[in-house]
Amino acid sequence: MNRRRDFLKISVGVLAGVRFFFNPLFSTLRWAYAKAQKTILPKKTKRERLISKNPKMLDARNLEVTDLKDFETMGISDHAVELDKWRLEVMGRVKRPLELTYKEILSFPTYEEKVLLVCPGFFINHGRWKGIDMKGLTEMAGVDKDVRQVTFSGPKGSNEKVERFTLEDVLSNKVFLAYEVNGEPLPKKHGFPLRIVAEGYYGDDWVKYVYRMTLE
């Protein structure tokens, strides 16, 4: 009998641990722990010193914002869209697929954050990015409860690039869609009208000219 009671106690403990792991509080604790592991960069840190660093391990809260005229870029930089025909498609495992105009996107609740863009071995940009609060966007679409990943695609055409992120990173705005940088609309070469901003990810994951978001 004692052995059975011990088994039940262990089972209950395991189940409680599982519930805690999926609890929003646990997600917050994991985020705080990850933040604590980062190197806090001094204000006067030179960007070129960070060129081989992993952005996941850098806390750039004190770093000065890069002047937009000094922003560098890689990949396609001359893609043009007809804004009156362009739409952001939100599709996949959602209750209400969306096709949003640029004007509608600008009316969404906003999210703004300073985030490092690291292209290892090439350049570092530290921008103040502004865009869509992703939680509001996903709530409008009505995400199925078992969705775990979000795929972003852009630009439409032969140069299309596709990158996948966790739903958790999207809902927390660690990964979000930006339409402004340093208080100005995205320049064409930086992905107008929408691009991914992905804190802690290398620049190669930051899709430009996004036109589709697929929940999977």
N, C-alpha and C. Protein backbone atom coordinates (compact mmCIF):
# COMPACT_ATOMS: atom_id res chain seq x y z
N MET A 1 0.83 -1.21 0.00
CA MET A 1 0.00 0.00 0.00
C MET A 1 0.87 1.27 0.00
N ASN A 2 1.94 1.22 0.83
CA ASN A 2 2.84 2.37 0.89
C ASN A 2 3.47 2.65 -0.47
N ARG A 3 3.83 1.56 -1.16
CA ARG A 3 4.45 1.72 -2.47
C ARG A 3 3.47 2.36 -3.45
N ARG A 4 2.20 1.99 -3.34
CA ARG A 4 1.21 2.57 -4.23
C ARG A 4 1.03 4.06 -3.94
N ARG A 5 1.02 4.42 -2.63
CA ARG A 5 0.90 5.84 -2.28
C ARG A 5 2.09 6.63 -2.80
N ASP A 6 3.28 6.05 -2.69
CA ASP A 6 4.47 6.73 -3.20
C ASP A 6 4.38 6.94 -4.70
N PHE A 7 3.86 5.90 -5.39
CA PHE A 7 3.71 6.00 -6.85
C PHE A 7 2.74 7.12 -7.22
N LEU A 8 1.63 7.21 -6.49
CA LEU A 8 0.63 8.24 -6.76
C LEU A 8 1.20 9.63 -6.49
N LYS A 9 1.99 9.75 -5.41
CA LYS A 9 2.59 11.05 -5.11
C LYS A 9 3.52 11.49 -6.23
N ILE A 10 4.34 10.54 -6.71
CA ILE A 10 5.27 10.86 -7.81
C ILE A 10 4.50 11.24 -9.06
N SER A 11 3.42 10.49 -9.37
CA SER A 11 2.62 10.77 -10.56
C SER A 11 2.00 12.16 -10.50
N VAL A 12 1.44 12.49 -9.34
CA VAL A 12 0.83 13.81 -9.17
C VAL A 12 1.88 14.90 -9.34
N GLY A 13 3.08 14.66 -8.78
CA GLY A 13 4.16 15.63 -8.92
C GLY A 13 4.56 15.84 -10.36
N VAL A 14 4.65 14.75 -11.11
CA VAL A 14 5.01 14.86 -12.53
C VAL A 14 3.97 15.64 -13.30
N LEU A 15 2.69 15.33 -13.05
CA LEU A 15 1.61 16.03 -13.75
C LEU A 15 1.62 17.51 -13.40
N ALA A 16 1.87 17.82 -12.13
CA ALA A 16 1.94 19.22 -11.72
C ALA A 16 3.08 19.93 -12.44
N GLY A 17 4.20 19.22 -12.59
CA GLY A 17 5.33 19.79 -13.31
C GLY A 17 5.02 20.06 -14.76
N VAL A 18 4.30 19.14 -15.40
CA VAL A 18 3.90 19.31 -16.79
C VAL A 18 3.00 20.52 -16.94
N ARG A 19 2.02 20.65 -16.01
CA ARG A 19 1.11 21.80 -16.06
C ARG A 19 1.89 23.10 -15.90
N PHE A 20 2.86 23.09 -15.00
CA PHE A 20 3.67 24.29 -14.78
C PHE A 20 4.46 24.66 -16.01
N PHE A 21 4.99 23.64 -16.70
CA PHE A 21 5.80 23.88 -17.90
C PHE A 21 5.01 24.62 -18.96
N PHE A 22 3.73 24.28 -19.10
CA PHE A 22 2.91 24.91 -20.14
C PHE A 22 2.15 26.13 -19.62
N ASN A 23 2.33 26.45 -18.34
CA ASN A 23 1.67 27.60 -17.75
C ASN A 23 2.30 28.89 -18.28
N PRO A 24 1.49 29.96 -18.54
CA PRO A 24 2.05 31.23 -19.01
C PRO A 24 3.12 31.79 -18.07
N LEU A 25 2.96 31.51 -16.76
CA LEU A 25 3.95 31.97 -15.81
C LEU A 25 5.31 31.35 -16.10
N PHE A 26 5.29 30.06 -16.47
CA PHE A 26 6.55 29.39 -16.78
C PHE A 26 7.20 30.01 -18.01
N SER A 27 6.39 30.36 -19.01
CA SER A 27 6.92 31.01 -20.20
C SER A 27 7.60 32.33 -19.84
N THR A 28 6.97 33.07 -18.92
CA THR A 28 7.54 34.34 -18.47
C THR A 28 8.87 34.11 -17.76
N LEU A 29 8.91 33.07 -16.92
CA LEU A 29 10.13 32.75 -16.19
C LEU A 29 11.25 32.34 -17.16
N ARG A 30 10.89 31.55 -18.17
CA ARG A 30 11.88 31.15 -19.16
C ARG A 30 12.43 32.36 -19.89
N TRP A 31 11.53 33.31 -20.25
CA TRP A 31 11.96 34.52 -20.93
C TRP A 31 12.90 35.33 -20.05
N ALA A 32 12.56 35.45 -18.74
CA ALA A 32 13.40 36.21 -17.82
C ALA A 32 14.76 35.55 -17.65
N TYR A 33 14.77 34.21 -17.60
CA TYR A 33 16.03 33.49 -17.46
C TYR A 33 16.92 33.71 -18.69
N ALA A 34 16.30 33.60 -19.87
CA ALA A 34 17.06 33.80 -21.11
C ALA A 34 17.64 35.21 -21.16
N LYS A 35 16.84 36.18 -20.70
CA LYS A 35 17.29 37.58 -20.70
C LYS A 35 18.50 37.75 -19.79
N ALA A 36 18.47 37.04 -18.66
CA ALA A 36 19.56 37.16 -17.68
C ALA A 36 20.87 36.58 -18.19
N GLN A 37 20.80 35.68 -19.17
CA GLN A 37 22.02 35.06 -19.70
C GLN A 37 22.72 35.93 -20.74
N LYS A 38 22.07 37.01 -21.16
CA LYS A 38 22.64 37.86 -22.21
C LYS A 38 23.71 38.79 -21.67
N THR A 39 24.62 39.19 -22.56
CA THR A 39 25.63 40.19 -22.24
C THR A 39 25.04 41.58 -22.48
N ILE A 40 24.98 42.40 -21.43
CA ILE A 40 24.47 43.76 -21.57
C ILE A 40 25.57 44.64 -22.16
N LEU A 41 25.32 45.18 -23.32
CA LEU A 41 26.33 45.96 -24.03
C LEU A 41 26.40 47.39 -23.49
N PRO A 42 27.60 47.88 -23.19
CA PRO A 42 27.75 49.28 -22.77
C PRO A 42 27.31 50.24 -23.88
N LYS A 43 26.93 51.44 -23.50
CA LYS A 43 26.38 52.42 -24.44
C LYS A 43 27.32 52.71 -25.60
N LYS A 44 28.61 52.80 -25.35
CA LYS A 44 29.56 53.21 -26.38
C LYS A 44 30.15 52.03 -27.16
N THR A 45 29.54 50.86 -27.04
CA THR A 45 30.05 49.69 -27.77
C THR A 45 30.05 49.96 -29.28
N LYS A 46 31.17 49.70 -29.92
CA LYS A 46 31.25 49.88 -31.37
C LYS A 46 30.60 48.68 -32.06
N ARG A 47 29.76 48.98 -33.04
CA ARG A 47 29.00 47.92 -33.69
C ARG A 47 29.89 46.90 -34.38
N GLU A 48 31.01 47.35 -34.94
CA GLU A 48 31.88 46.43 -35.65
C GLU A 48 32.46 45.34 -34.74
N ARG A 49 32.47 45.59 -33.44
CA ARG A 49 32.96 44.59 -32.49
C ARG A 49 31.97 43.44 -32.31
N LEU A 50 30.75 43.64 -32.77
CA LEU A 50 29.69 42.64 -32.58
C LEU A 50 29.45 41.80 -33.82
N ILE A 51 30.25 42.01 -34.84
CA ILE A 51 29.95 41.46 -36.16
C ILE A 51 29.98 39.92 -36.19
N SER A 52 30.68 39.31 -35.25
CA SER A 52 30.73 37.84 -35.20
C SER A 52 29.96 37.27 -34.01
N LYS A 53 29.19 38.13 -33.32
CA LYS A 53 28.47 37.70 -32.12
C LYS A 53 27.10 37.12 -32.47
N ASN A 54 26.63 36.26 -31.59
CA ASN A 54 25.28 35.69 -31.73
C ASN A 54 24.28 36.67 -31.12
N PRO A 55 23.33 37.20 -31.90
CA PRO A 55 22.38 38.18 -31.35
C PRO A 55 21.54 37.64 -30.20
N LYS A 56 21.40 36.33 -30.15
CA LYS A 56 20.64 35.70 -29.07
C LYS A 56 21.26 35.97 -27.71
N MET A 57 22.57 36.25 -27.69
CA MET A 57 23.29 36.43 -26.43
C MET A 57 23.59 37.89 -26.12
N LEU A 58 23.02 38.82 -26.89
CA LEU A 58 23.32 40.24 -26.71
C LEU A 58 22.10 41.02 -26.23
N ASP A 59 22.30 41.84 -25.21
CA ASP A 59 21.28 42.75 -24.72
C ASP A 59 21.71 44.16 -25.12
N ALA A 60 21.01 44.74 -26.09
CA ALA A 60 21.43 46.01 -26.69
C ALA A 60 20.66 47.20 -26.14
N ARG A 61 20.08 47.07 -24.96
CA ARG A 61 19.23 48.14 -24.42
C ARG A 61 19.95 49.49 -24.33
N ASN A 62 21.27 49.46 -24.08
CA ASN A 62 22.04 50.69 -23.90
C ASN A 62 22.68 51.20 -25.20
N LEU A 63 22.60 50.40 -26.24
CA LEU A 63 23.29 50.72 -27.48
C LEU A 63 22.57 51.83 -28.24
N GLU A 64 23.34 52.74 -28.80
CA GLU A 64 22.74 53.83 -29.58
C GLU A 64 22.14 53.28 -30.88
N VAL A 65 21.06 53.90 -31.30
CA VAL A 65 20.39 53.51 -32.55
C VAL A 65 21.25 53.94 -33.73
N THR A 66 21.37 53.07 -34.73
CA THR A 66 22.13 53.38 -35.94
C THR A 66 21.36 54.38 -36.80
N ASP A 67 22.04 55.42 -37.25
CA ASP A 67 21.41 56.37 -38.16
C ASP A 67 20.96 55.63 -39.42
N LEU A 68 19.75 55.91 -39.87
CA LEU A 68 19.18 55.18 -40.99
C LEU A 68 20.05 55.28 -42.25
N LYS A 69 20.73 56.39 -42.42
CA LYS A 69 21.59 56.54 -43.61
C LYS A 69 22.79 55.58 -43.56
N ASP A 70 23.09 55.06 -42.36
CA ASP A 70 24.21 54.13 -42.21
C ASP A 70 23.76 52.68 -42.17
N PHE A 71 22.45 52.45 -42.29
CA PHE A 71 21.94 51.08 -42.31
C PHE A 71 22.44 50.35 -43.55
N GLU A 72 22.94 49.16 -43.34
CA GLU A 72 23.34 48.32 -44.47
C GLU A 72 22.31 47.22 -44.69
N THR A 73 22.39 46.56 -45.83
CA THR A 73 21.41 45.53 -46.13
C THR A 73 22.04 44.46 -47.02
N MET A 74 21.40 43.28 -47.02
CA MET A 74 21.84 42.19 -47.89
C MET A 74 20.63 41.62 -48.60
N GLY A 75 20.88 40.81 -49.63
CA GLY A 75 19.78 40.20 -50.37
C GLY A 75 19.14 41.20 -51.31
N ILE A 76 18.00 40.83 -51.85
CA ILE A 76 17.29 41.68 -52.78
C ILE A 76 16.95 43.02 -52.11
N SER A 77 17.13 44.10 -52.85
CA SER A 77 16.91 45.42 -52.25
C SER A 77 16.13 46.37 -53.16
N ASP A 78 15.67 45.87 -54.30
CA ASP A 78 14.99 46.75 -55.25
C ASP A 78 13.59 46.28 -55.61
N HIS A 79 13.01 45.39 -54.76
CA HIS A 79 11.66 44.90 -55.06
C HIS A 79 10.65 46.03 -54.83
N ALA A 80 9.76 46.21 -55.79
CA ALA A 80 8.73 47.26 -55.69
C ALA A 80 7.34 46.63 -55.70
N VAL A 81 6.44 47.18 -54.89
CA VAL A 81 5.06 46.69 -54.87
C VAL A 81 4.13 47.81 -55.32
N GLU A 82 3.00 47.41 -55.91
CA GLU A 82 1.93 48.36 -56.21
C GLU A 82 1.05 48.39 -54.97
N LEU A 83 1.18 49.44 -54.19
CA LEU A 83 0.57 49.46 -52.87
C LEU A 83 -0.95 49.35 -52.92
N ASP A 84 -1.58 49.85 -53.98
CA ASP A 84 -3.04 49.75 -54.06
C ASP A 84 -3.50 48.33 -54.32
N LYS A 85 -2.59 47.47 -54.82
CA LYS A 85 -2.94 46.07 -55.07
C LYS A 85 -2.34 45.12 -54.02
N TRP A 86 -1.34 45.58 -53.32
CA TRP A 86 -0.65 44.73 -52.34
C TRP A 86 -1.55 44.39 -51.15
N ARG A 87 -1.43 43.17 -50.66
CA ARG A 87 -2.18 42.74 -49.48
C ARG A 87 -1.27 41.86 -48.61
N LEU A 88 -1.48 41.93 -47.29
CA LEU A 88 -0.88 40.96 -46.39
C LEU A 88 -1.89 39.84 -46.20
N GLU A 89 -1.51 38.63 -46.62
CA GLU A 89 -2.39 37.47 -46.47
C GLU A 89 -2.06 36.78 -45.14
N VAL A 90 -3.10 36.55 -44.34
CA VAL A 90 -2.95 35.77 -43.10
C VAL A 90 -3.80 34.52 -43.30
N MET A 91 -3.14 33.36 -43.37
CA MET A 91 -3.84 32.15 -43.79
C MET A 91 -3.32 30.94 -43.00
N GLY A 92 -3.79 29.77 -43.40
CA GLY A 92 -3.38 28.54 -42.72
C GLY A 92 -4.46 28.07 -41.76
N ARG A 93 -4.05 27.67 -40.57
CA ARG A 93 -4.99 27.11 -39.60
C ARG A 93 -5.58 28.22 -38.75
N VAL A 94 -6.45 29.00 -39.42
CA VAL A 94 -7.13 30.12 -38.78
C VAL A 94 -8.62 30.05 -39.09
N LYS A 95 -9.41 30.66 -38.23
CA LYS A 95 -10.87 30.66 -38.44
C LYS A 95 -11.29 31.70 -39.46
N ARG A 96 -10.51 32.79 -39.53
CA ARG A 96 -10.87 33.89 -40.43
C ARG A 96 -9.64 34.32 -41.24
N PRO A 97 -9.40 33.73 -42.39
CA PRO A 97 -8.29 34.19 -43.24
C PRO A 97 -8.45 35.67 -43.57
N LEU A 98 -7.34 36.39 -43.62
CA LEU A 98 -7.37 37.83 -43.82
C LEU A 98 -6.58 38.25 -45.05
N GLU A 99 -7.02 39.32 -45.67
CA GLU A 99 -6.25 40.01 -46.70
C GLU A 99 -6.30 41.49 -46.35
N LEU A 100 -5.19 42.01 -45.82
CA LEU A 100 -5.17 43.34 -45.25
C LEU A 100 -4.43 44.33 -46.15
N THR A 101 -5.03 45.48 -46.34
CA THR A 101 -4.37 46.55 -47.09
C THR A 101 -3.33 47.23 -46.19
N TYR A 102 -2.47 48.00 -46.80
CA TYR A 102 -1.46 48.73 -46.03
C TYR A 102 -2.13 49.70 -45.06
N LYS A 103 -3.20 50.35 -45.51
CA LYS A 103 -3.92 51.29 -44.66
C LYS A 103 -4.53 50.57 -43.46
N GLU A 104 -5.06 49.39 -43.66
CA GLU A 104 -5.63 48.63 -42.55
C GLU A 104 -4.55 48.22 -41.55
N ILE A 105 -3.40 47.85 -42.07
CA ILE A 105 -2.28 47.46 -41.20
C ILE A 105 -1.86 48.63 -40.31
N LEU A 106 -1.83 49.82 -40.87
CA LEU A 106 -1.43 51.00 -40.10
C LEU A 106 -2.43 51.34 -38.99
N SER A 107 -3.64 50.80 -39.09
CA SER A 107 -4.66 51.08 -38.07
C SER A 107 -4.61 50.09 -36.90
N PHE A 108 -3.78 49.04 -37.01
CA PHE A 108 -3.67 48.04 -35.95
C PHE A 108 -2.95 48.62 -34.73
N PRO A 109 -3.22 48.04 -33.55
CA PRO A 109 -2.39 48.38 -32.39
C PRO A 109 -0.93 48.12 -32.74
N THR A 110 -0.05 48.99 -32.27
CA THR A 110 1.35 48.94 -32.68
C THR A 110 2.26 48.34 -31.62
N TYR A 111 3.42 47.92 -32.08
CA TYR A 111 4.48 47.46 -31.21
C TYR A 111 5.77 48.11 -31.69
N GLU A 112 6.59 48.62 -30.77
CA GLU A 112 7.83 49.29 -31.13
C GLU A 112 8.94 48.83 -30.20
N GLU A 113 10.10 48.54 -30.78
CA GLU A 113 11.22 48.03 -29.97
C GLU A 113 12.54 48.28 -30.69
N LYS A 114 13.59 48.51 -29.91
CA LYS A 114 14.94 48.59 -30.47
C LYS A 114 15.49 47.17 -30.55
N VAL A 115 15.91 46.77 -31.75
CA VAL A 115 16.38 45.40 -31.97
C VAL A 115 17.61 45.42 -32.86
N LEU A 116 18.58 44.58 -32.51
CA LEU A 116 19.79 44.43 -33.31
C LEU A 116 19.53 43.55 -34.53
N LEU A 117 20.02 44.00 -35.67
CA LEU A 117 20.04 43.18 -36.88
C LEU A 117 21.49 42.81 -37.15
N VAL A 118 21.82 41.53 -36.98
CA VAL A 118 23.20 41.06 -37.11
C VAL A 118 23.34 40.18 -38.35
N CYS A 119 24.12 40.64 -39.32
CA CYS A 119 24.51 39.81 -40.45
C CYS A 119 25.97 39.43 -40.21
N PRO A 120 26.22 38.22 -39.66
CA PRO A 120 27.55 37.86 -39.17
C PRO A 120 28.63 37.98 -40.24
N GLY A 121 29.69 38.69 -39.85
CA GLY A 121 30.81 38.89 -40.77
C GLY A 121 30.64 40.05 -41.71
N PHE A 122 29.46 40.69 -41.70
CA PHE A 122 29.19 41.76 -42.66
C PHE A 122 28.86 43.09 -41.98
N PHE A 123 27.78 43.13 -41.21
CA PHE A 123 27.39 44.41 -40.61
C PHE A 123 26.44 44.19 -39.43
N ILE A 124 26.26 45.28 -38.67
CA ILE A 124 25.32 45.33 -37.56
C ILE A 124 24.48 46.59 -37.71
N ASN A 125 23.15 46.46 -37.66
CA ASN A 125 22.26 47.61 -37.58
C ASN A 125 21.50 47.53 -36.25
N HIS A 126 21.38 48.66 -35.58
CA HIS A 126 20.55 48.70 -34.38
C HIS A 126 19.44 49.72 -34.62
N GLY A 127 18.24 49.21 -34.88
CA GLY A 127 17.14 50.08 -35.27
C GLY A 127 16.04 50.14 -34.24
N ARG A 128 15.26 51.20 -34.31
CA ARG A 128 14.04 51.32 -33.53
C ARG A 128 12.89 50.99 -34.48
N TRP A 129 12.38 49.78 -34.36
CA TRP A 129 11.42 49.24 -35.31
C TRP A 129 10.00 49.38 -34.78
N LYS A 130 9.09 49.71 -35.67
CA LYS A 130 7.68 49.84 -35.29
C LYS A 130 6.83 49.06 -36.27
N GLY A 131 5.83 48.37 -35.74
CA GLY A 131 4.96 47.60 -36.62
C GLY A 131 3.72 47.10 -35.91
N ILE A 132 3.30 45.90 -36.28
CA ILE A 132 2.03 45.33 -35.81
C ILE A 132 2.22 44.62 -34.48
N ASP A 133 1.32 44.86 -33.53
CA ASP A 133 1.25 44.02 -32.34
C ASP A 133 0.69 42.68 -32.78
N MET A 134 1.52 41.65 -32.78
CA MET A 134 1.17 40.38 -33.40
C MET A 134 0.06 39.63 -32.67
N LYS A 135 -0.06 39.85 -31.38
CA LYS A 135 -1.13 39.18 -30.64
C LYS A 135 -2.50 39.64 -31.16
N GLY A 136 -2.63 40.94 -31.42
CA GLY A 136 -3.89 41.46 -31.94
C GLY A 136 -4.20 40.91 -33.32
N LEU A 137 -3.17 40.78 -34.14
CA LEU A 137 -3.36 40.24 -35.49
C LEU A 137 -3.82 38.79 -35.45
N THR A 138 -3.18 37.97 -34.62
CA THR A 138 -3.55 36.56 -34.53
C THR A 138 -4.94 36.39 -33.92
N GLU A 139 -5.30 37.26 -32.99
CA GLU A 139 -6.65 37.19 -32.41
C GLU A 139 -7.71 37.51 -33.46
N MET A 140 -7.43 38.46 -34.33
CA MET A 140 -8.39 38.79 -35.39
C MET A 140 -8.57 37.61 -36.34
N ALA A 141 -7.49 36.91 -36.63
CA ALA A 141 -7.57 35.76 -37.54
C ALA A 141 -8.21 34.54 -36.87
N GLY A 142 -8.13 34.45 -35.55
CA GLY A 142 -8.70 33.29 -34.85
C GLY A 142 -7.86 32.04 -35.04
N VAL A 143 -6.72 31.98 -34.36
CA VAL A 143 -5.77 30.89 -34.54
C VAL A 143 -6.29 29.59 -33.91
N ASP A 144 -6.19 28.48 -34.63
CA ASP A 144 -6.54 27.18 -34.07
C ASP A 144 -5.66 26.87 -32.87
N LYS A 145 -6.24 26.15 -31.90
CA LYS A 145 -5.55 25.96 -30.61
C LYS A 145 -4.28 25.11 -30.72
N ASP A 146 -4.15 24.30 -31.77
CA ASP A 146 -2.97 23.44 -31.88
C ASP A 146 -1.90 23.99 -32.82
N VAL A 147 -2.02 25.24 -33.24
CA VAL A 147 -0.99 25.87 -34.07
C VAL A 147 0.27 26.08 -33.23
N ARG A 148 1.42 25.77 -33.81
CA ARG A 148 2.69 25.89 -33.09
C ARG A 148 3.72 26.74 -33.84
N GLN A 149 3.53 26.92 -35.17
CA GLN A 149 4.52 27.61 -35.97
C GLN A 149 3.87 28.64 -36.89
N VAL A 150 4.67 29.65 -37.25
CA VAL A 150 4.21 30.69 -38.17
C VAL A 150 5.27 30.87 -39.25
N THR A 151 4.83 30.82 -40.51
CA THR A 151 5.74 30.98 -41.64
C THR A 151 5.47 32.31 -42.32
N PHE A 152 6.55 33.03 -42.63
CA PHE A 152 6.45 34.32 -43.33
C PHE A 152 7.11 34.19 -44.69
N SER A 153 6.47 34.77 -45.70
CA SER A 153 6.96 34.67 -47.08
C SER A 153 7.06 36.05 -47.72
N GLY A 154 8.11 36.26 -48.52
CA GLY A 154 8.25 37.50 -49.24
C GLY A 154 9.60 37.56 -49.97
N PRO A 155 9.70 38.32 -51.05
CA PRO A 155 8.57 38.95 -51.74
C PRO A 155 7.87 37.95 -52.65
N LYS A 156 6.72 38.30 -53.14
CA LYS A 156 6.02 37.44 -54.09
C LYS A 156 6.80 37.40 -55.40
N GLY A 157 6.98 36.19 -55.92
CA GLY A 157 7.70 36.08 -57.18
C GLY A 157 8.88 35.13 -57.10
N SER A 158 9.78 35.24 -58.05
CA SER A 158 10.90 34.30 -58.18
C SER A 158 11.93 34.44 -57.06
N ASN A 159 11.94 35.57 -56.36
CA ASN A 159 12.90 35.80 -55.28
C ASN A 159 12.31 35.51 -53.91
N GLU A 160 11.20 34.80 -53.87
CA GLU A 160 10.52 34.58 -52.59
C GLU A 160 11.40 33.83 -51.59
N LYS A 161 11.37 34.31 -50.35
CA LYS A 161 12.09 33.70 -49.24
C LYS A 161 11.07 33.31 -48.18
N VAL A 162 11.29 32.18 -47.52
CA VAL A 162 10.36 31.67 -46.52
C VAL A 162 11.12 31.34 -45.25
N GLU A 163 10.62 31.83 -44.11
CA GLU A 163 11.22 31.52 -42.81
C GLU A 163 10.12 31.17 -41.81
N ARG A 164 10.44 30.23 -40.91
CA ARG A 164 9.45 29.74 -39.94
C ARG A 164 9.91 30.07 -38.53
N PHE A 165 8.96 30.50 -37.68
CA PHE A 165 9.22 30.83 -36.29
C PHE A 165 8.18 30.16 -35.41
N THR A 166 8.46 30.08 -34.11
CA THR A 166 7.48 29.50 -33.20
C THR A 166 6.35 30.50 -32.96
N LEU A 167 5.15 29.98 -32.73
CA LEU A 167 4.03 30.84 -32.40
C LEU A 167 4.31 31.63 -31.13
N GLU A 168 4.99 31.01 -30.18
CA GLU A 168 5.33 31.68 -28.92
C GLU A 168 6.13 32.94 -29.17
N ASP A 169 7.13 32.88 -30.07
CA ASP A 169 7.94 34.06 -30.37
C ASP A 169 7.13 35.15 -31.05
N VAL A 170 6.16 34.74 -31.86
CA VAL A 170 5.30 35.71 -32.56
C VAL A 170 4.34 36.38 -31.58
N LEU A 171 3.70 35.60 -30.73
CA LEU A 171 2.73 36.16 -29.78
C LEU A 171 3.38 37.11 -28.79
N SER A 172 4.66 36.88 -28.49
CA SER A 172 5.37 37.74 -27.54
C SER A 172 6.01 38.95 -28.22
N ASN A 173 5.83 39.07 -29.54
CA ASN A 173 6.44 40.14 -30.34
C ASN A 173 7.95 40.07 -30.36
N LYS A 174 8.50 38.93 -30.00
CA LYS A 174 9.93 38.73 -30.24
C LYS A 174 10.17 38.70 -31.75
N VAL A 175 9.17 38.21 -32.47
CA VAL A 175 9.16 38.25 -33.94
C VAL A 175 7.91 39.02 -34.35
N PHE A 176 8.09 40.12 -35.07
CA PHE A 176 6.91 40.89 -35.49
C PHE A 176 7.13 41.51 -36.86
N LEU A 177 6.05 42.02 -37.43
CA LEU A 177 6.08 42.64 -38.75
C LEU A 177 6.20 44.15 -38.60
N ALA A 178 7.26 44.72 -39.17
CA ALA A 178 7.53 46.15 -39.03
C ALA A 178 7.29 46.89 -40.33
N TYR A 179 6.77 48.12 -40.20
CA TYR A 179 6.59 48.99 -41.36
C TYR A 179 7.32 50.32 -41.20
N GLU A 180 7.98 50.52 -40.05
CA GLU A 180 8.78 51.72 -39.84
C GLU A 180 10.11 51.36 -39.19
N VAL A 181 11.10 52.18 -39.43
CA VAL A 181 12.39 52.05 -38.75
C VAL A 181 12.89 53.45 -38.43
N ASN A 182 13.28 53.66 -37.18
CA ASN A 182 13.77 54.97 -36.73
C ASN A 182 12.80 56.10 -37.04
N GLY A 183 11.50 55.80 -36.91
CA GLY A 183 10.48 56.83 -37.10
C GLY A 183 10.12 57.13 -38.54
N GLU A 184 10.66 56.36 -39.48
CA GLU A 184 10.36 56.59 -40.90
C GLU A 184 9.79 55.32 -41.53
N PRO A 185 8.93 55.47 -42.57
CA PRO A 185 8.47 54.27 -43.28
C PRO A 185 9.65 53.48 -43.80
N LEU A 186 9.54 52.17 -43.83
CA LEU A 186 10.63 51.33 -44.33
C LEU A 186 11.07 51.79 -45.72
N PRO A 187 12.34 52.06 -45.91
CA PRO A 187 12.82 52.32 -47.27
C PRO A 187 12.66 51.06 -48.12
N LYS A 188 12.57 51.25 -49.43
CA LYS A 188 12.40 50.11 -50.33
C LYS A 188 13.49 49.06 -50.11
N LYS A 189 14.74 49.48 -50.00
CA LYS A 189 15.82 48.50 -49.90
C LYS A 189 15.79 47.71 -48.59
N HIS A 190 15.02 48.19 -47.60
CA HIS A 190 14.93 47.49 -46.33
C HIS A 190 13.62 46.71 -46.18
N GLY A 191 12.84 46.62 -47.28
CA GLY A 191 11.71 45.70 -47.26
C GLY A 191 10.32 46.28 -47.32
N PHE A 192 10.16 47.55 -47.70
CA PHE A 192 8.84 48.15 -47.79
C PHE A 192 7.89 47.29 -48.62
N PRO A 193 6.65 47.08 -48.15
CA PRO A 193 5.99 47.76 -47.03
C PRO A 193 6.10 47.05 -45.66
N LEU A 194 6.45 45.77 -45.64
CA LEU A 194 6.54 45.02 -44.38
C LEU A 194 7.76 44.11 -44.37
N ARG A 195 8.40 44.02 -43.22
CA ARG A 195 9.49 43.07 -43.07
C ARG A 195 9.44 42.44 -41.68
N ILE A 196 10.09 41.31 -41.55
CA ILE A 196 10.22 40.67 -40.25
C ILE A 196 11.29 41.38 -39.43
N VAL A 197 11.02 41.57 -38.15
CA VAL A 197 12.02 41.92 -37.15
C VAL A 197 12.03 40.76 -36.16
N ALA A 198 13.19 40.15 -35.97
CA ALA A 198 13.27 38.92 -35.17
C ALA A 198 14.40 39.04 -34.15
N GLU A 199 14.03 39.41 -32.93
CA GLU A 199 15.02 39.58 -31.86
C GLU A 199 15.71 38.25 -31.55
N GLY A 200 17.03 38.27 -31.54
CA GLY A 200 17.80 37.08 -31.20
C GLY A 200 18.08 36.17 -32.38
N TYR A 201 17.58 36.51 -33.57
CA TYR A 201 17.83 35.73 -34.78
C TYR A 201 18.81 36.49 -35.68
N TYR A 202 19.59 35.74 -36.44
CA TYR A 202 20.48 36.36 -37.42
C TYR A 202 19.67 37.04 -38.53
N GLY A 203 20.30 38.03 -39.17
CA GLY A 203 19.62 38.81 -40.18
C GLY A 203 19.07 38.01 -41.35
N ASP A 204 19.67 36.87 -41.63
CA ASP A 204 19.20 36.04 -42.74
C ASP A 204 17.78 35.55 -42.54
N ASP A 205 17.31 35.55 -41.28
CA ASP A 205 15.95 35.12 -40.98
C ASP A 205 14.93 36.26 -41.08
N TRP A 206 15.42 37.48 -41.24
CA TRP A 206 14.52 38.65 -41.26
C TRP A 206 13.98 38.85 -42.68
N VAL A 207 12.92 38.20 -43.00
CA VAL A 207 12.35 38.26 -44.35
C VAL A 207 11.90 39.68 -44.69
N LYS A 208 12.26 40.13 -45.89
CA LYS A 208 11.83 41.45 -46.36
C LYS A 208 10.65 41.30 -47.34
N TYR A 209 9.92 42.40 -47.53
CA TYR A 209 8.81 42.45 -48.49
C TYR A 209 7.77 41.37 -48.19
N VAL A 210 7.44 41.17 -46.93
CA VAL A 210 6.51 40.11 -46.54
C VAL A 210 5.12 40.37 -47.12
N TYR A 211 4.54 39.33 -47.69
CA TYR A 211 3.17 39.44 -48.20
C TYR A 211 2.26 38.33 -47.67
N ARG A 212 2.86 37.33 -47.01
CA ARG A 212 2.05 36.21 -46.53
C ARG A 212 2.54 35.73 -45.17
N MET A 213 1.56 35.42 -44.31
CA MET A 213 1.82 34.85 -42.99
C MET A 213 0.93 33.62 -42.85
N THR A 214 1.56 32.48 -42.64
CA THR A 214 0.82 31.20 -42.61
C THR A 214 0.98 30.56 -41.25
N LEU A 215 -0.13 30.29 -40.59
CA LEU A 215 -0.11 29.63 -39.29
C LEU A 215 -0.29 28.14 -39.46
N GLU A 216 0.61 27.36 -38.80
CA GLU A 216 0.65 25.92 -39.07
C GLU A 216 0.63 25.12 -37.76
